[in-house]
Amino acid sequence: MPDQTEHMLPDIISKALALPVVRVDRRTFLTKLFPHATEVELMSILKDGPQADYTLEQLTKVARRVVMHDTEKTSAISFAAGLPSNIAVAAGTGTADLIQYYGFALRMAQKVAYIYGQENLFTEEGTLSEDGERDVMIYLGVMLGVASANSALMFISKGLSNTLSKKFMATAVTRTTWYPLLKKIAGYIGVSVTKKSTSAVISKSLPVIGGFVSGGLTLITFRPMGNRLIKTFETTLTATPDQIKQAQNVILEDIKKSSNE
């Protein structure tokens, strides 16, 4: 097993996060998202999260609107990126397209997370914190359909505040604790990258059709990814202590399986 204290992010995700457009400033985003909030309400939103002032139904409505907007915007960009057709450079641009794809996915994930009350992923210096690295991977895991990522999201969002979970976290180094799940998510990303790389090369080898392929695939995949994240956050906000305990058990089982490998 690799050194579990190494950087948690796959290379393509690190490169995606380095794109200037990927980082979402939590304060700016929430302020623009709730323009009709009073000064007192806005202070509450920024301090405790929108869930402090809005119902789950209202948050979900806002989140779905954000996902749809980001899907349409990203699809348009992907369409344009798929237009220049040159088979000689197709393979090289495929990787760049994937970095951009995951960059926009991460941008959308941040927005959804902030709507449901999550803290800023980045430090004041603009760098991703260790917890931020973990959370980014968990968000991607949920979006890609990794079942145990749903439990992890519930645990980091709700479970870390209770005494039982604090004792659990004290038993292991953070990186070691999360390594099995993050490794699993990285594997899913690897498979996804392989599939999307093939699609990118094929689409770019065609004329205008390439634009429709790139934009169409993004439209088909992006919205379900965003909706998976929304659904998991919905479940998380209404989670019972028993559900949080069950989420913790899923993480422990992943650790146990990893230690036996």
C-alpha atoms as a PDB file:
ATOM      1  CA  MET A   1       0.000   0.000   0.000  1.00  0.00           C
ATOM      2  CA  PRO A   2       1.316   3.482  -0.845  1.00  0.00           C
ATOM      3  CA  ASP A   3       2.299   5.899   1.887  1.00  0.00           C
ATOM      4  CA  GLN A   4      -1.036   7.024   3.304  1.00  0.00           C
ATOM      5  CA  THR A   5       0.327  10.405   4.301  1.00  0.00           C
ATOM      6  CA  GLU A   6       0.947  11.392   0.688  1.00  0.00           C
ATOM      7  CA  HIS A   7      -1.147  13.917  -1.177  1.00  0.00           C
ATOM      8  CA  MET A   8      -4.700  12.604  -1.413  1.00  0.00           C
ATOM      9  CA  LEU A   9      -5.654  14.043  -4.791  1.00  0.00           C
ATOM     10  CA  PRO A  10      -5.171  12.293  -8.149  1.00  0.00           C
ATOM     11  CA  ASP A  11      -3.022  14.325 -10.524  1.00  0.00           C
ATOM     12  CA  ILE A  12      -5.889  15.235 -12.837  1.00  0.00           C
ATOM     13  CA  ILE A  13      -7.926  16.569  -9.895  1.00  0.00           C
ATOM     14  CA  SER A  14      -4.984  18.620  -8.615  1.00  0.00           C
ATOM     15  CA  LYS A  15      -4.623  20.148 -12.081  1.00  0.00           C
ATOM     16  CA  ALA A  16      -8.362  20.808 -12.286  1.00  0.00           C
ATOM     17  CA  LEU A  17      -8.311  22.603  -8.934  1.00  0.00           C
ATOM     18  CA  ALA A  18      -5.452  24.765 -10.171  1.00  0.00           C
ATOM     19  CA  LEU A  19      -7.645  26.261 -12.903  1.00  0.00           C
ATOM     20  CA  PRO A  20      -8.479  29.911 -12.072  1.00  0.00           C
ATOM     21  CA  VAL A  21     -12.232  29.480 -12.599  1.00  0.00           C
ATOM     22  CA  VAL A  22     -12.641  26.482 -10.298  1.00  0.00           C
ATOM     23  CA  ARG A  23     -12.417  28.056  -6.867  1.00  0.00           C
ATOM     24  CA  VAL A  24     -15.733  29.409  -5.547  1.00  0.00           C
ATOM     25  CA  ASP A  25     -15.556  32.102  -2.897  1.00  0.00           C
ATOM     26  CA  ARG A  26     -18.180  31.042  -0.360  1.00  0.00           C
ATOM     27  CA  ARG A  27     -19.033  34.535   0.891  1.00  0.00           C
ATOM     28  CA  THR A  28     -19.368  36.046  -2.586  1.00  0.00           C
ATOM     29  CA  PHE A  29     -21.367  33.095  -3.918  1.00  0.00           C
ATOM     30  CA  LEU A  30     -23.886  32.999  -1.075  1.00  0.00           C
ATOM     31  CA  THR A  31     -24.285  36.778  -1.063  1.00  0.00           C
ATOM     32  CA  LYS A  32     -25.178  36.760  -4.772  1.00  0.00           C
ATOM     33  CA  LEU A  33     -27.350  33.655  -4.425  1.00  0.00           C
ATOM     34  CA  PHE A  34     -29.592  35.229  -1.779  1.00  0.00           C
ATOM     35  CA  PRO A  35     -29.869  38.871  -2.955  1.00  0.00           C
ATOM     36  CA  HIS A  36     -33.154  39.492  -1.130  1.00  0.00           C
ATOM     37  CA  ALA A  37     -31.888  38.370   2.267  1.00  0.00           C
ATOM     38  CA  THR A  38     -31.859  41.053   4.943  1.00  0.00           C
ATOM     39  CA  GLU A  39     -28.572  42.072   6.514  1.00  0.00           C
ATOM     40  CA  VAL A  40     -29.354  39.955   9.578  1.00  0.00           C
ATOM     41  CA  GLU A  41     -30.336  36.957   7.441  1.00  0.00           C
ATOM     42  CA  LEU A  42     -27.186  37.281   5.340  1.00  0.00           C
ATOM     43  CA  MET A  43     -25.007  37.350   8.442  1.00  0.00           C
ATOM     44  CA  SER A  44     -26.744  34.177   9.610  1.00  0.00           C
ATOM     45  CA  ILE A  45     -26.315  32.527   6.206  1.00  0.00           C
ATOM     46  CA  LEU A  46     -22.600  33.292   6.097  1.00  0.00           C
ATOM     47  CA  LYS A  47     -22.034  32.224   9.701  1.00  0.00           C
ATOM     48  CA  ASP A  48     -24.225  29.122  10.005  1.00  0.00           C
ATOM     49  CA  GLY A  49     -25.133  28.263   6.411  1.00  0.00           C
ATOM     50  CA  PRO A  50     -28.337  28.832   4.390  1.00  0.00           C
ATOM     51  CA  GLN A  51     -30.039  25.935   6.195  1.00  0.00           C
ATOM     52  CA  ALA A  52     -30.276  28.199   9.247  1.00  0.00           C
ATOM     53  CA  ASP A  53     -32.796  30.462   7.473  1.00  0.00           C
ATOM     54  CA  TYR A  54     -34.293  28.367   4.681  1.00  0.00           C
ATOM     55  CA  THR A  55     -36.220  25.095   4.566  1.00  0.00           C
ATOM     56  CA  LEU A  56     -34.801  21.969   2.970  1.00  0.00           C
ATOM     57  CA  GLU A  57     -37.324  22.317   0.153  1.00  0.00           C
ATOM     58  CA  GLN A  58     -36.169  25.878  -0.545  1.00  0.00           C
ATOM     59  CA  LEU A  59     -32.495  24.871  -0.500  1.00  0.00           C
ATOM     60  CA  THR A  60     -33.113  21.993  -2.894  1.00  0.00           C
ATOM     61  CA  LYS A  61     -34.962  24.277  -5.300  1.00  0.00           C
ATOM     62  CA  VAL A  62     -32.015  26.697  -5.294  1.00  0.00           C
ATOM     63  CA  ALA A  63     -29.474  23.877  -5.629  1.00  0.00           C
ATOM     64  CA  ARG A  64     -31.257  22.327  -8.610  1.00  0.00           C
ATOM     65  CA  ARG A  65     -31.363  25.715 -10.316  1.00  0.00           C
ATOM     66  CA  VAL A  66     -27.607  26.109  -9.774  1.00  0.00           C
ATOM     67  CA  VAL A  67     -26.921  22.605 -11.127  1.00  0.00           C
ATOM     68  CA  MET A  68     -29.016  23.260 -14.225  1.00  0.00           C
ATOM     69  CA  HIS A  69     -27.282  26.597 -14.847  1.00  0.00           C
ATOM     70  CA  ASP A  70     -23.825  25.063 -14.453  1.00  0.00           C
ATOM     71  CA  THR A  71     -24.768  22.102 -16.663  1.00  0.00           C
ATOM     72  CA  GLU A  72     -25.973  24.328 -19.489  1.00  0.00           C
ATOM     73  CA  LYS A  73     -22.970  26.634 -19.192  1.00  0.00           C
ATOM     74  CA  THR A  74     -20.470  23.775 -19.119  1.00  0.00           C
ATOM     75  CA  SER A  75     -22.190  22.016 -22.031  1.00  0.00           C
ATOM     76  CA  ALA A  76     -21.892  25.170 -24.133  1.00  0.00           C
ATOM     77  CA  ILE A  77     -18.194  25.445 -23.304  1.00  0.00           C
ATOM     78  CA  SER A  78     -17.690  21.744 -24.066  1.00  0.00           C
ATOM     79  CA  PHE A  79     -19.475  22.175 -27.398  1.00  0.00           C
ATOM     80  CA  ALA A  80     -17.118  24.991 -28.362  1.00  0.00           C
ATOM     81  CA  ALA A  81     -14.104  22.990 -27.191  1.00  0.00           C
ATOM     82  CA  GLY A  82     -15.179  20.071 -29.364  1.00  0.00           C
ATOM     83  CA  LEU A  83     -15.394  22.122 -32.560  1.00  0.00           C
ATOM     84  CA  PRO A  84     -11.682  22.443 -33.528  1.00  0.00           C
ATOM     85  CA  SER A  85     -11.195  19.115 -35.300  1.00  0.00           C
ATOM     86  CA  ASN A  86      -7.621  18.017 -35.846  1.00  0.00           C
ATOM     87  CA  ILE A  87      -6.823  14.340 -35.348  1.00  0.00           C
ATOM     88  CA  ALA A  88      -3.141  15.179 -34.896  1.00  0.00           C
ATOM     89  CA  VAL A  89      -3.819  17.119 -31.706  1.00  0.00           C
ATOM     90  CA  ALA A  90      -6.884  15.206 -30.532  1.00  0.00           C
ATOM     91  CA  ALA A  91      -5.022  12.986 -28.083  1.00  0.00           C
ATOM     92  CA  GLY A  92      -3.199  15.942 -26.561  1.00  0.00           C
ATOM     93  CA  THR A  93      -6.310  18.031 -26.120  1.00  0.00           C
ATOM     94  CA  GLY A  94      -8.214  15.108 -24.622  1.00  0.00           C
ATOM     95  CA  THR A  95      -6.350  15.450 -21.336  1.00  0.00           C
ATOM     96  CA  ALA A  96      -6.915  19.201 -21.253  1.00  0.00           C
ATOM     97  CA  ASP A  97     -10.631  18.636 -21.845  1.00  0.00           C
ATOM     98  CA  LEU A  98     -10.765  16.191 -18.937  1.00  0.00           C
ATOM     99  CA  ILE A  99      -9.033  18.627 -16.604  1.00  0.00           C
ATOM    100  CA  GLN A 100     -11.568  21.259 -17.632  1.00  0.00           C
ATOM    101  CA  TYR A 101     -14.442  18.775 -17.195  1.00  0.00           C
ATOM    102  CA  TYR A 102     -13.441  17.897 -13.653  1.00  0.00           C
ATOM    103  CA  GLY A 103     -12.704  21.534 -12.944  1.00  0.00           C
ATOM    104  CA  PHE A 104     -16.289  22.499 -13.728  1.00  0.00           C
ATOM    105  CA  ALA A 105     -17.572  19.473 -11.783  1.00  0.00           C
ATOM    106  CA  LEU A 106     -15.601  20.617  -8.737  1.00  0.00           C
ATOM    107  CA  ARG A 107     -16.899  24.156  -9.149  1.00  0.00           C
ATOM    108  CA  MET A 108     -20.469  22.876  -9.198  1.00  0.00           C
ATOM    109  CA  ALA A 109     -19.784  20.641  -6.180  1.00  0.00           C
ATOM    110  CA  GLN A 110     -18.557  23.610  -4.145  1.00  0.00           C
ATOM    111  CA  LYS A 111     -21.694  25.589  -4.938  1.00  0.00           C
ATOM    112  CA  VAL A 112     -24.008  22.746  -3.924  1.00  0.00           C
ATOM    113  CA  ALA A 113     -22.004  22.146  -0.748  1.00  0.00           C
ATOM    114  CA  TYR A 114     -22.167  25.816   0.263  1.00  0.00           C
ATOM    115  CA  ILE A 115     -25.929  25.891  -0.342  1.00  0.00           C
ATOM    116  CA  TYR A 116     -26.311  23.053   2.152  1.00  0.00           C
ATOM    117  CA  GLY A 117     -24.193  24.736   4.806  1.00  0.00           C
ATOM    118  CA  GLN A 118     -20.666  23.420   4.278  1.00  0.00           C
ATOM    119  CA  GLU A 119     -17.649  25.482   5.301  1.00  0.00           C
ATOM    120  CA  ASN A 120     -15.140  27.027   2.899  1.00  0.00           C
ATOM    121  CA  LEU A 121     -12.887  24.404   1.323  1.00  0.00           C
ATOM    122  CA  PHE A 122     -10.029  26.841   0.887  1.00  0.00           C
ATOM    123  CA  THR A 123      -7.853  28.668   3.389  1.00  0.00           C
ATOM    124  CA  GLU A 124      -7.598  32.460   3.529  1.00  0.00           C
ATOM    125  CA  GLU A 125      -4.431  32.125   1.436  1.00  0.00           C
ATOM    126  CA  GLY A 126      -6.434  30.413  -1.297  1.00  0.00           C
ATOM    127  CA  THR A 127      -4.968  26.939  -0.829  1.00  0.00           C
ATOM    128  CA  LEU A 128      -6.963  23.761  -0.319  1.00  0.00           C
ATOM    129  CA  SER A 129      -6.803  22.555   3.286  1.00  0.00           C
ATOM    130  CA  GLU A 130      -6.269  18.900   4.208  1.00  0.00           C
ATOM    131  CA  ASP A 131      -9.945  18.642   5.137  1.00  0.00           C
ATOM    132  CA  GLY A 132     -10.698  20.384   1.854  1.00  0.00           C
ATOM    133  CA  GLU A 133      -8.812  17.691  -0.079  1.00  0.00           C
ATOM    134  CA  ARG A 134     -10.796  15.019   1.720  1.00  0.00           C
ATOM    135  CA  ASP A 135     -14.115  16.774   1.124  1.00  0.00           C
ATOM    136  CA  VAL A 136     -13.403  17.391  -2.572  1.00  0.00           C
ATOM    137  CA  MET A 137     -12.755  13.692  -3.108  1.00  0.00           C
ATOM    138  CA  ILE A 138     -15.886  12.729  -1.181  1.00  0.00           C
ATOM    139  CA  TYR A 139     -18.015  15.137  -3.233  1.00  0.00           C
ATOM    140  CA  LEU A 140     -16.623  13.623  -6.430  1.00  0.00           C
ATOM    141  CA  GLY A 141     -17.238  10.138  -5.064  1.00  0.00           C
ATOM    142  CA  VAL A 142     -20.897  10.955  -4.458  1.00  0.00           C
ATOM    143  CA  MET A 143     -21.221  12.523  -7.909  1.00  0.00           C
ATOM    144  CA  LEU A 144     -19.632   9.464  -9.560  1.00  0.00           C
ATOM    145  CA  GLY A 145     -21.877   7.044  -7.682  1.00  0.00           C
ATOM    146  CA  VAL A 146     -19.437   5.585  -5.129  1.00  0.00           C
ATOM    147  CA  ALA A 147     -21.871   4.217  -2.524  1.00  0.00           C
ATOM    148  CA  SER A 148     -19.640   4.588   0.542  1.00  0.00           C
ATOM    149  CA  ALA A 149     -18.999   8.241  -0.357  1.00  0.00           C
ATOM    150  CA  ASN A 150     -22.605   8.973   0.637  1.00  0.00           C
ATOM    151  CA  SER A 151     -21.893   7.690   4.144  1.00  0.00           C
ATOM    152  CA  ALA A 152     -18.663   9.667   4.281  1.00  0.00           C
ATOM    153  CA  LEU A 153     -20.454  12.882   3.319  1.00  0.00           C
ATOM    154  CA  MET A 154     -23.044  12.350   6.030  1.00  0.00           C
ATOM    155  CA  PHE A 155     -20.310  11.642   8.553  1.00  0.00           C
ATOM    156  CA  ILE A 156     -18.158  14.695   7.817  1.00  0.00           C
ATOM    157  CA  SER A 157     -21.211  16.959   7.652  1.00  0.00           C
ATOM    158  CA  LYS A 158     -23.096  15.806  10.740  1.00  0.00           C
ATOM    159  CA  GLY A 159     -21.187  13.094  12.544  1.00  0.00           C
ATOM    160  CA  LEU A 160     -17.990  14.949  13.416  1.00  0.00           C
ATOM    161  CA  SER A 161     -19.885  17.140  15.853  1.00  0.00           C
ATOM    162  CA  ASN A 162     -20.927  14.380  18.234  1.00  0.00           C
ATOM    163  CA  THR A 163     -18.844  12.869  21.029  1.00  0.00           C
ATOM    164  CA  LEU A 164     -18.815   9.338  19.642  1.00  0.00           C
ATOM    165  CA  SER A 165     -17.417  10.491  16.320  1.00  0.00           C
ATOM    166  CA  LYS A 166     -14.784  12.674  17.968  1.00  0.00           C
ATOM    167  CA  LYS A 167     -13.561   9.616  19.871  1.00  0.00           C
ATOM    168  CA  PHE A 168     -13.562   7.643  16.631  1.00  0.00           C
ATOM    169  CA  MET A 169     -11.502  10.282  14.821  1.00  0.00           C
ATOM    170  CA  ALA A 170      -9.052  10.413  17.719  1.00  0.00           C
ATOM    171  CA  THR A 171      -8.157   6.762  17.179  1.00  0.00           C
ATOM    172  CA  ALA A 172      -6.419   7.297  13.846  1.00  0.00           C
ATOM    173  CA  VAL A 173      -4.500   9.856  11.845  1.00  0.00           C
ATOM    174  CA  THR A 174      -6.939  11.678   9.578  1.00  0.00           C
ATOM    175  CA  ARG A 175      -5.247  10.744   6.319  1.00  0.00           C
ATOM    176  CA  THR A 176      -4.975   7.096   7.353  1.00  0.00           C
ATOM    177  CA  THR A 177      -8.638   7.050   8.364  1.00  0.00           C
ATOM    178  CA  TRP A 178      -9.874   8.296   5.020  1.00  0.00           C
ATOM    179  CA  TYR A 179      -7.310   6.593   2.793  1.00  0.00           C
ATOM    180  CA  PRO A 180      -9.357   3.454   1.886  1.00  0.00           C
ATOM    181  CA  LEU A 181     -12.359   5.473   0.729  1.00  0.00           C
ATOM    182  CA  LEU A 182     -10.281   8.080  -1.096  1.00  0.00           C
ATOM    183  CA  LYS A 183      -8.360   5.285  -2.816  1.00  0.00           C
ATOM    184  CA  LYS A 184     -11.661   3.770  -3.959  1.00  0.00           C
ATOM    185  CA  ILE A 185     -12.882   7.122  -5.287  1.00  0.00           C
ATOM    186  CA  ALA A 186      -9.558   7.660  -7.071  1.00  0.00           C
ATOM    187  CA  GLY A 187     -10.123   4.303  -8.772  1.00  0.00           C
ATOM    188  CA  TYR A 188     -13.540   5.421 -10.000  1.00  0.00           C
ATOM    189  CA  ILE A 189     -12.001   8.641 -11.285  1.00  0.00           C
ATOM    190  CA  GLY A 190      -9.370   6.596 -13.119  1.00  0.00           C
ATOM    191  CA  VAL A 191     -12.036   4.530 -14.889  1.00  0.00           C
ATOM    192  CA  SER A 192     -13.990   7.685 -15.668  1.00  0.00           C
ATOM    193  CA  VAL A 193     -10.877   9.365 -17.078  1.00  0.00           C
ATOM    194  CA  THR A 194     -10.189   6.386 -19.361  1.00  0.00           C
ATOM    195  CA  LYS A 195     -13.735   6.382 -20.738  1.00  0.00           C
ATOM    196  CA  LYS A 196     -13.858  10.140 -21.210  1.00  0.00           C
ATOM    197  CA  SER A 197     -10.398  10.182 -22.827  1.00  0.00           C
ATOM    198  CA  THR A 198     -11.625   7.770 -25.501  1.00  0.00           C
ATOM    199  CA  SER A 199     -14.752   9.857 -26.078  1.00  0.00           C
ATOM    200  CA  ALA A 200     -12.694  13.049 -26.306  1.00  0.00           C
ATOM    201  CA  VAL A 201     -10.326  11.652 -28.939  1.00  0.00           C
ATOM    202  CA  ILE A 202     -13.183  10.221 -31.014  1.00  0.00           C
ATOM    203  CA  SER A 203     -15.282  13.392 -30.875  1.00  0.00           C
ATOM    204  CA  LYS A 204     -12.368  15.644 -31.786  1.00  0.00           C
ATOM    205  CA  SER A 205     -11.561  13.512 -34.830  1.00  0.00           C
ATOM    206  CA  LEU A 206     -14.926  14.493 -36.327  1.00  0.00           C
ATOM    207  CA  PRO A 207     -15.969  17.898 -37.718  1.00  0.00           C
ATOM    208  CA  VAL A 208     -18.899  19.803 -36.194  1.00  0.00           C
ATOM    209  CA  ILE A 209     -20.247  16.512 -34.844  1.00  0.00           C
ATOM    210  CA  GLY A 210     -17.426  16.650 -32.310  1.00  0.00           C
ATOM    211  CA  GLY A 211     -18.955  19.727 -30.757  1.00  0.00           C
ATOM    212  CA  PHE A 212     -22.332  18.050 -30.402  1.00  0.00           C
ATOM    213  CA  VAL A 213     -20.717  14.941 -28.887  1.00  0.00           C
ATOM    214  CA  SER A 214     -18.699  16.932 -26.341  1.00  0.00           C
ATOM    215  CA  GLY A 215     -21.559  19.208 -25.355  1.00  0.00           C
ATOM    216  CA  GLY A 216     -24.121  16.402 -25.393  1.00  0.00           C
ATOM    217  CA  LEU A 217     -22.074  14.095 -23.171  1.00  0.00           C
ATOM    218  CA  THR A 218     -21.556  16.909 -20.689  1.00  0.00           C
ATOM    219  CA  LEU A 219     -25.286  17.689 -20.644  1.00  0.00           C
ATOM    220  CA  ILE A 220     -26.109  14.015 -20.082  1.00  0.00           C
ATOM    221  CA  THR A 221     -23.561  13.417 -17.310  1.00  0.00           C
ATOM    222  CA  PHE A 222     -23.360  16.719 -15.434  1.00  0.00           C
ATOM    223  CA  ARG A 223     -26.942  17.096 -14.253  1.00  0.00           C
ATOM    224  CA  PRO A 224     -27.189  13.559 -12.764  1.00  0.00           C
ATOM    225  CA  MET A 225     -23.860  14.122 -10.996  1.00  0.00           C
ATOM    226  CA  GLY A 226     -25.127  17.324  -9.442  1.00  0.00           C
ATOM    227  CA  ASN A 227     -28.453  15.758  -8.506  1.00  0.00           C
ATOM    228  CA  ARG A 228     -26.700  12.857  -6.746  1.00  0.00           C
ATOM    229  CA  LEU A 229     -24.851  15.363  -4.596  1.00  0.00           C
ATOM    230  CA  ILE A 230     -28.071  17.255  -3.875  1.00  0.00           C
ATOM    231  CA  LYS A 231     -29.884  14.062  -2.858  1.00  0.00           C
ATOM    232  CA  THR A 232     -27.077  13.056  -0.482  1.00  0.00           C
ATOM    233  CA  PHE A 233     -27.036  16.493   1.138  1.00  0.00           C
ATOM    234  CA  GLU A 234     -30.837  16.305   1.537  1.00  0.00           C
ATOM    235  CA  THR A 235     -30.468  12.991   3.359  1.00  0.00           C
ATOM    236  CA  THR A 236     -27.594  14.370   5.409  1.00  0.00           C
ATOM    237  CA  LEU A 237     -29.491  17.404   6.702  1.00  0.00           C
ATOM    238  CA  THR A 238     -32.283  15.188   8.035  1.00  0.00           C
ATOM    239  CA  ALA A 239     -30.031  12.359   9.268  1.00  0.00           C
ATOM    240  CA  THR A 240     -30.858  10.702  12.589  1.00  0.00           C
ATOM    241  CA  PRO A 241     -28.222   9.636  15.156  1.00  0.00           C
ATOM    242  CA  ASP A 242     -28.733   6.027  14.021  1.00  0.00           C
ATOM    243  CA  GLN A 243     -28.037   6.983  10.403  1.00  0.00           C
ATOM    244  CA  ILE A 244     -24.885   8.833  11.443  1.00  0.00           C
ATOM    245  CA  LYS A 245     -23.748   5.788  13.421  1.00  0.00           C
ATOM    246  CA  GLN A 246     -24.411   3.601  10.387  1.00  0.00           C
ATOM    247  CA  ALA A 247     -22.345   5.964   8.235  1.00  0.00           C
ATOM    248  CA  GLN A 248     -19.495   5.655  10.720  1.00  0.00           C
ATOM    249  CA  ASN A 249     -19.720   1.863  10.512  1.00  0.00           C
ATOM    250  CA  VAL A 250     -19.390   1.995   6.721  1.00  0.00           C
ATOM    251  CA  ILE A 251     -16.160   3.972   7.074  1.00  0.00           C
ATOM    252  CA  LEU A 252     -14.848   1.545   9.702  1.00  0.00           C
ATOM    253  CA  GLU A 253     -15.641  -1.381   7.407  1.00  0.00           C
ATOM    254  CA  ASP A 254     -13.646   0.251   4.599  1.00  0.00           C
ATOM    255  CA  ILE A 255     -10.698   0.665   6.962  1.00  0.00           C
ATOM    256  CA  LYS A 256     -10.978  -2.978   8.049  1.00  0.00           C
ATOM    257  CA  LYS A 257     -11.067  -4.241   4.459  1.00  0.00           C
ATOM    258  CA  SER A 258      -8.097  -2.074   3.532  1.00  0.00           C
ATOM    259  CA  SER A 259      -6.000  -3.355   6.442  1.00  0.00           C
ATOM    260  CA  ASN A 260      -6.597  -6.945   5.309  1.00  0.00           C
ATOM    261  CA  GLU A 261      -5.474  -6.280   1.731  1.00  0.00           C
END
